[in-house]
Amino acid sequence: MTDPVPLTGRQASRLITVLRHGRDLDAAVAELGIDLRAVWARARTDTRLAIVLAGRDPDVPEERGHTLRPR
């Protein structure tokens, strides 16, 4: 099995927008032509994507605060 092509910032942003509007993840990746494995790989380092995958709105400031690690 080969590694998926990494998600670009633009693809991640489009996916976030589609998911925020209620689209199912499987349908969204199919519609956008994105490899689901690439989505999970990007979510490890993309806070907004991780938040939207959890079913929350990544543009609400309180949501981002829940994911930050204390320093």
PDB file of N, CA and C in Angstrom:
ATOM      1  N   MET A   1       0.850  -1.179   0.000  1.00  0.00           N
ATOM      2  CA  MET A   1       0.000   0.000   0.000  1.00  0.00           C
ATOM      3  C   MET A   1       0.894   1.239   0.000  1.00  0.00           C
ATOM      4  N   THR A   2       0.602   2.164  -0.867  1.00  0.00           N
ATOM      5  CA  THR A   2       1.385   3.390  -0.932  1.00  0.00           C
ATOM      6  C   THR A   2       0.776   4.451  -0.034  1.00  0.00           C
ATOM      7  N   ASP A   3       1.618   5.398   0.349  1.00  0.00           N
ATOM      8  CA  ASP A   3       1.134   6.505   1.167  1.00  0.00           C
ATOM      9  C   ASP A   3       0.247   7.408   0.319  1.00  0.00           C
ATOM     10  N   PRO A   4      -0.763   8.009   0.942  1.00  0.00           N
ATOM     11  CA  PRO A   4      -1.634   8.908   0.183  1.00  0.00           C
ATOM     12  C   PRO A   4      -0.898  10.200  -0.164  1.00  0.00           C
ATOM     13  N   VAL A   5      -1.348  10.843  -1.212  1.00  0.00           N
ATOM     14  CA  VAL A   5      -0.815  12.159  -1.556  1.00  0.00           C
ATOM     15  C   VAL A   5      -1.257  13.116  -0.455  1.00  0.00           C
ATOM     16  N   PRO A   6      -0.317  13.872   0.136  1.00  0.00           N
ATOM     17  CA  PRO A   6      -0.688  14.776   1.229  1.00  0.00           C
ATOM     18  C   PRO A   6      -1.741  15.804   0.799  1.00  0.00           C
ATOM     19  N   LEU A   7      -2.586  16.152   1.728  1.00  0.00           N
ATOM     20  CA  LEU A   7      -3.615  17.160   1.502  1.00  0.00           C
ATOM     21  C   LEU A   7      -2.963  18.537   1.446  1.00  0.00           C
ATOM     22  N   THR A   8      -3.338  19.338   0.491  1.00  0.00           N
ATOM     23  CA  THR A   8      -2.843  20.713   0.440  1.00  0.00           C
ATOM     24  C   THR A   8      -3.676  21.567   1.390  1.00  0.00           C
ATOM     25  N   GLY A   9      -3.190  22.740   1.701  1.00  0.00           N
ATOM     26  CA  GLY A   9      -3.948  23.656   2.541  1.00  0.00           C
ATOM     27  C   GLY A   9      -5.282  24.025   1.924  1.00  0.00           C
ATOM     28  N   ARG A  10      -5.282  24.206   0.618  1.00  0.00           N
ATOM     29  CA  ARG A  10      -6.528  24.555  -0.078  1.00  0.00           C
ATOM     30  C   ARG A  10      -7.542  23.417   0.001  1.00  0.00           C
ATOM     31  N   GLN A  11      -7.079  22.174  -0.191  1.00  0.00           N
ATOM     32  CA  GLN A  11      -7.980  21.024  -0.090  1.00  0.00           C
ATOM     33  C   GLN A  11      -8.548  20.909   1.321  1.00  0.00           C
ATOM     34  N   ALA A  12      -7.696  21.100   2.325  1.00  0.00           N
ATOM     35  CA  ALA A  12      -8.154  21.021   3.712  1.00  0.00           C
ATOM     36  C   ALA A  12      -9.196  22.098   3.985  1.00  0.00           C
ATOM     37  N   SER A  13      -8.947  23.292   3.491  1.00  0.00           N
ATOM     38  CA  SER A  13      -9.891  24.393   3.692  1.00  0.00           C
ATOM     39  C   SER A  13     -11.231  24.103   3.025  1.00  0.00           C
ATOM     40  N   ARG A  14     -11.202  23.572   1.810  1.00  0.00           N
ATOM     41  CA  ARG A  14     -12.447  23.227   1.113  1.00  0.00           C
ATOM     42  C   ARG A  14     -13.199  22.133   1.863  1.00  0.00           C
ATOM     43  N   LEU A  15     -12.458  21.139   2.356  1.00  0.00           N
ATOM     44  CA  LEU A  15     -13.084  20.054   3.107  1.00  0.00           C
ATOM     45  C   LEU A  15     -13.726  20.587   4.383  1.00  0.00           C
ATOM     46  N   ILE A  16     -13.040  21.462   5.089  1.00  0.00           N
ATOM     47  CA  ILE A  16     -13.584  22.053   6.313  1.00  0.00           C
ATOM     48  C   ILE A  16     -14.889  22.779   6.004  1.00  0.00           C
ATOM     49  N   THR A  17     -14.900  23.557   4.936  1.00  0.00           N
ATOM     50  CA  THR A  17     -16.113  24.293   4.558  1.00  0.00           C
ATOM     51  C   THR A  17     -17.271  23.346   4.277  1.00  0.00           C
ATOM     52  N   VAL A  18     -17.006  22.294   3.518  1.00  0.00           N
ATOM     53  CA  VAL A  18     -18.059  21.331   3.174  1.00  0.00           C
ATOM     54  C   VAL A  18     -18.577  20.633   4.428  1.00  0.00           C
ATOM     55  N   LEU A  19     -17.673  20.239   5.312  1.00  0.00           N
ATOM     56  CA  LEU A  19     -18.087  19.542   6.538  1.00  0.00           C
ATOM     57  C   LEU A  19     -18.855  20.470   7.476  1.00  0.00           C
ATOM     58  N   ARG A  20     -18.474  21.738   7.529  1.00  0.00           N
ATOM     59  CA  ARG A  20     -19.187  22.701   8.378  1.00  0.00           C
ATOM     60  C   ARG A  20     -20.629  22.880   7.923  1.00  0.00           C
ATOM     61  N   HIS A  21     -20.880  22.635   6.650  1.00  0.00           N
ATOM     62  CA  HIS A  21     -22.235  22.773   6.116  1.00  0.00           C
ATOM     63  C   HIS A  21     -23.016  21.468   6.165  1.00  0.00           C
ATOM     64  N   GLY A  22     -22.515  20.505   6.948  1.00  0.00           N
ATOM     65  CA  GLY A  22     -23.292  19.307   7.228  1.00  0.00           C
ATOM     66  C   GLY A  22     -23.063  18.103   6.335  1.00  0.00           C
ATOM     67  N   ARG A  23     -22.116  18.200   5.425  1.00  0.00           N
ATOM     68  CA  ARG A  23     -21.864  17.061   4.528  1.00  0.00           C
ATOM     69  C   ARG A  23     -21.182  15.934   5.296  1.00  0.00           C
ATOM     70  N   ASP A  24     -21.535  14.709   4.982  1.00  0.00           N
ATOM     71  CA  ASP A  24     -20.928  13.509   5.547  1.00  0.00           C
ATOM     72  C   ASP A  24     -19.475  13.419   5.062  1.00  0.00           C
ATOM     73  N   LEU A  25     -18.560  12.965   5.933  1.00  0.00           N
ATOM     74  CA  LEU A  25     -17.139  12.898   5.589  1.00  0.00           C
ATOM     75  C   LEU A  25     -16.891  12.054   4.347  1.00  0.00           C
ATOM     76  N   ASP A  26     -17.467  10.868   4.285  1.00  0.00           N
ATOM     77  CA  ASP A  26     -17.240   9.997   3.126  1.00  0.00           C
ATOM     78  C   ASP A  26     -17.726  10.646   1.830  1.00  0.00           C
ATOM     79  N   ALA A  27     -18.874  11.286   1.890  1.00  0.00           N
ATOM     80  CA  ALA A  27     -19.403  11.961   0.703  1.00  0.00           C
ATOM     81  C   ALA A  27     -18.528  13.151   0.322  1.00  0.00           C
ATOM     82  N   ALA A  28     -18.047  13.876   1.320  1.00  0.00           N
ATOM     83  CA  ALA A  28     -17.220  15.056   1.058  1.00  0.00           C
ATOM     84  C   ALA A  28     -15.901  14.685   0.388  1.00  0.00           C
ATOM     85  N   VAL A  29     -15.223  13.655   0.899  1.00  0.00           N
ATOM     86  CA  VAL A  29     -13.940  13.281   0.284  1.00  0.00           C
ATOM     87  C   VAL A  29     -14.151  12.744  -1.133  1.00  0.00           C
ATOM     88  N   ALA A  30     -15.241  12.023  -1.351  1.00  0.00           N
ATOM     89  CA  ALA A  30     -15.536  11.528  -2.698  1.00  0.00           C
ATOM     90  C   ALA A  30     -15.816  12.692  -3.646  1.00  0.00           C
ATOM     91  N   GLU A  31     -16.601  13.646  -3.173  1.00  0.00           N
ATOM     92  CA  GLU A  31     -16.958  14.812  -3.983  1.00  0.00           C
ATOM     93  C   GLU A  31     -15.727  15.639  -4.344  1.00  0.00           C
ATOM     94  N   LEU A  32     -14.805  15.776  -3.393  1.00  0.00           N
ATOM     95  CA  LEU A  32     -13.613  16.600  -3.607  1.00  0.00           C
ATOM     96  C   LEU A  32     -12.439  15.819  -4.198  1.00  0.00           C
ATOM     97  N   GLY A  33     -12.589  14.512  -4.329  1.00  0.00           N
ATOM     98  CA  GLY A  33     -11.516  13.701  -4.885  1.00  0.00           C
ATOM     99  C   GLY A  33     -10.314  13.579  -3.971  1.00  0.00           C
ATOM    100  N   ILE A  34     -10.567  13.507  -2.676  1.00  0.00           N
ATOM    101  CA  ILE A  34      -9.511  13.446  -1.667  1.00  0.00           C
ATOM    102  C   ILE A  34      -9.437  12.034  -1.099  1.00  0.00           C
ATOM    103  N   ASP A  35      -8.227  11.573  -0.824  1.00  0.00           N
ATOM    104  CA  ASP A  35      -8.009  10.266  -0.194  1.00  0.00           C
ATOM    105  C   ASP A  35      -8.276  10.407   1.310  1.00  0.00           C
ATOM    106  N   LEU A  36      -9.153   9.576   1.837  1.00  0.00           N
ATOM    107  CA  LEU A  36      -9.513   9.650   3.255  1.00  0.00           C
ATOM    108  C   LEU A  36      -8.291   9.490   4.157  1.00  0.00           C
ATOM    109  N   ARG A  37      -7.344   8.659   3.755  1.00  0.00           N
ATOM    110  CA  ARG A  37      -6.128   8.486   4.564  1.00  0.00           C
ATOM    111  C   ARG A  37      -5.342   9.786   4.665  1.00  0.00           C
ATOM    112  N   ALA A  38      -5.370  10.595   3.611  1.00  0.00           N
ATOM    113  CA  ALA A  38      -4.687  11.887   3.630  1.00  0.00           C
ATOM    114  C   ALA A  38      -5.366  12.847   4.604  1.00  0.00           C
ATOM    115  N   VAL A  39      -6.685  12.732   4.722  1.00  0.00           N
ATOM    116  CA  VAL A  39      -7.428  13.573   5.669  1.00  0.00           C
ATOM    117  C   VAL A  39      -6.985  13.263   7.095  1.00  0.00           C
ATOM    118  N   TRP A  40      -6.927  11.981   7.449  1.00  0.00           N
ATOM    119  CA  TRP A  40      -6.531  11.604   8.808  1.00  0.00           C
ATOM    120  C   TRP A  40      -5.082  11.981   9.075  1.00  0.00           C
ATOM    121  N   ALA A  41      -4.218  11.857   8.079  1.00  0.00           N
ATOM    122  CA  ALA A  41      -2.814  12.236   8.259  1.00  0.00           C
ATOM    123  C   ALA A  41      -2.694  13.734   8.512  1.00  0.00           C
ATOM    124  N   ARG A  42      -3.431  14.540   7.769  1.00  0.00           N
ATOM    125  CA  ARG A  42      -3.372  15.998   7.934  1.00  0.00           C
ATOM    126  C   ARG A  42      -3.989  16.429   9.266  1.00  0.00           C
ATOM    127  N   ALA A  43      -5.002  15.722   9.724  1.00  0.00           N
ATOM    128  CA  ALA A  43      -5.686  16.089  10.971  1.00  0.00           C
ATOM    129  C   ALA A  43      -4.754  16.003  12.176  1.00  0.00           C
ATOM    130  N   ARG A  44      -3.676  15.252  12.070  1.00  0.00           N
ATOM    131  CA  ARG A  44      -2.712  15.164  13.175  1.00  0.00           C
ATOM    132  C   ARG A  44      -2.038  16.497  13.451  1.00  0.00           C
ATOM    133  N   THR A  45      -1.931  17.346  12.423  1.00  0.00           N
ATOM    134  CA  THR A  45      -1.229  18.617  12.578  1.00  0.00           C
ATOM    135  C   THR A  45      -2.088  19.836  12.257  1.00  0.00           C
ATOM    136  N   ASP A  46      -3.319  19.638  11.840  1.00  0.00           N
ATOM    137  CA  ASP A  46      -4.205  20.737  11.452  1.00  0.00           C
ATOM    138  C   ASP A  46      -5.343  20.832  12.467  1.00  0.00           C
ATOM    139  N   THR A  47      -5.243  21.809  13.354  1.00  0.00           N
ATOM    140  CA  THR A  47      -6.215  21.958  14.440  1.00  0.00           C
ATOM    141  C   THR A  47      -7.631  22.150  13.921  1.00  0.00           C
ATOM    142  N   ARG A  48      -7.805  23.016  12.926  1.00  0.00           N
ATOM    143  CA  ARG A  48      -9.152  23.270  12.401  1.00  0.00           C
ATOM    144  C   ARG A  48      -9.771  22.009  11.821  1.00  0.00           C
ATOM    145  N   LEU A  49      -8.971  21.238  11.106  1.00  0.00           N
ATOM    146  CA  LEU A  49      -9.478  20.002  10.515  1.00  0.00           C
ATOM    147  C   LEU A  49      -9.847  19.000  11.601  1.00  0.00           C
ATOM    148  N   ALA A  50      -9.019  18.881  12.610  1.00  0.00           N
ATOM    149  CA  ALA A  50      -9.316  17.959  13.713  1.00  0.00           C
ATOM    150  C   ALA A  50     -10.622  18.343  14.407  1.00  0.00           C
ATOM    151  N   ILE A  51     -10.831  19.639  14.601  1.00  0.00           N
ATOM    152  CA  ILE A  51     -12.047  20.119  15.269  1.00  0.00           C
ATOM    153  C   ILE A  51     -13.282  19.802  14.430  1.00  0.00           C
ATOM    154  N   VAL A  52     -13.231  20.072  13.131  1.00  0.00           N
ATOM    155  CA  VAL A  52     -14.402  19.814  12.290  1.00  0.00           C
ATOM    156  C   VAL A  52     -14.663  18.314  12.164  1.00  0.00           C
ATOM    157  N   LEU A  53     -13.621  17.496  12.188  1.00  0.00           N
ATOM    158  CA  LEU A  53     -13.824  16.048  12.146  1.00  0.00           C
ATOM    159  C   LEU A  53     -14.501  15.544  13.418  1.00  0.00           C
ATOM    160  N   ALA A  54     -14.356  16.296  14.505  1.00  0.00           N
ATOM    161  CA  ALA A  54     -15.022  15.945  15.758  1.00  0.00           C
ATOM    162  C   ALA A  54     -16.470  16.435  15.783  1.00  0.00           C
ATOM    163  N   GLY A  55     -16.900  17.060  14.688  1.00  0.00           N
ATOM    164  CA  GLY A  55     -18.283  17.516  14.604  1.00  0.00           C
ATOM    165  C   GLY A  55     -18.525  18.872  15.229  1.00  0.00           C
ATOM    166  N   ARG A  56     -17.456  19.623  15.429  1.00  0.00           N
ATOM    167  CA  ARG A  56     -17.575  20.950  16.040  1.00  0.00           C
ATOM    168  C   ARG A  56     -17.226  22.020  15.009  1.00  0.00           C
ATOM    169  N   ASP A  57     -17.511  23.274  15.323  1.00  0.00           N
ATOM    170  CA  ASP A  57     -17.215  24.386  14.422  1.00  0.00           C
ATOM    171  C   ASP A  57     -15.820  24.926  14.730  1.00  0.00           C
ATOM    172  N   PRO A  58     -14.874  24.791  13.806  1.00  0.00           N
ATOM    173  CA  PRO A  58     -13.509  25.222  14.079  1.00  0.00           C
ATOM    174  C   PRO A  58     -13.327  26.730  14.126  1.00  0.00           C
ATOM    175  N   ASP A  59     -14.339  27.492  13.730  1.00  0.00           N
ATOM    176  CA  ASP A  59     -14.215  28.938  13.736  1.00  0.00           C
ATOM    177  C   ASP A  59     -14.739  29.579  15.014  1.00  0.00           C
ATOM    178  N   VAL A  60     -15.168  28.772  15.963  1.00  0.00           N
ATOM    179  CA  VAL A  60     -15.578  29.279  17.272  1.00  0.00           C
ATOM    180  C   VAL A  60     -14.327  29.298  18.153  1.00  0.00           C
ATOM    181  N   PRO A  61     -13.929  30.456  18.667  1.00  0.00           N
ATOM    182  CA  PRO A  61     -12.676  30.551  19.428  1.00  0.00           C
ATOM    183  C   PRO A  61     -12.564  29.547  20.580  1.00  0.00           C
ATOM    184  N   GLU A  62     -13.645  29.249  21.242  1.00  0.00           N
ATOM    185  CA  GLU A  62     -13.598  28.331  22.377  1.00  0.00           C
ATOM    186  C   GLU A  62     -13.171  26.928  21.956  1.00  0.00           C
ATOM    187  N   GLU A  63     -13.526  26.531  20.740  1.00  0.00           N
ATOM    188  CA  GLU A  63     -13.166  25.192  20.266  1.00  0.00           C
ATOM    189  C   GLU A  63     -11.657  25.053  20.110  1.00  0.00           C
ATOM    190  N   ARG A  64     -11.018  26.058  19.572  1.00  0.00           N
ATOM    191  CA  ARG A  64      -9.570  25.998  19.405  1.00  0.00           C
ATOM    192  C   ARG A  64      -8.886  25.910  20.763  1.00  0.00           C
ATOM    193  N   GLY A  65      -9.420  26.579  21.747  1.00  0.00           N
ATOM    194  CA  GLY A  65      -8.849  26.538  23.088  1.00  0.00           C
ATOM    195  C   GLY A  65      -8.872  25.154  23.706  1.00  0.00           C
ATOM    196  N   HIS A  66      -9.846  24.345  23.332  1.00  0.00           N
ATOM    197  CA  HIS A  66      -9.929  22.985  23.878  1.00  0.00           C
ATOM    198  C   HIS A  66      -8.819  22.085  23.361  1.00  0.00           C
ATOM    199  N   THR A  67      -8.261  22.420  22.218  1.00  0.00           N
ATOM    200  CA  THR A  67      -7.252  21.550  21.614  1.00  0.00           C
ATOM    201  C   THR A  67      -5.829  21.962  21.933  1.00  0.00           C
ATOM    202  N   LEU A  68      -5.638  23.148  22.457  1.00  0.00           N
ATOM    203  CA  LEU A  68      -4.284  23.616  22.754  1.00  0.00           C
ATOM    204  C   LEU A  68      -3.738  22.949  24.004  1.00  0.00           C
ATOM    205  N   ARG A  69      -2.480  22.634  23.957  1.00  0.00           N
ATOM    206  CA  ARG A  69      -1.820  22.042  25.123  1.00  0.00           C
ATOM    207  C   ARG A  69      -1.352  23.152  26.048  1.00  0.00           C
ATOM    208  N   PRO A  70      -1.472  22.951  27.353  1.00  0.00           N
ATOM    209  CA  PRO A  70      -0.947  23.960  28.276  1.00  0.00           C
ATOM    210  C   PRO A  70       0.574  24.007  28.160  1.00  0.00           C
ATOM    211  N   ARG A  71       1.116  25.172  28.278  1.00  0.00           N
ATOM    212  CA  ARG A  71       2.585  25.319  28.190  1.00  0.00           C
ATOM    213  C   ARG A  71       3.213  25.351  29.540  1.00  0.00           C
TER     214      ARG A  71
END
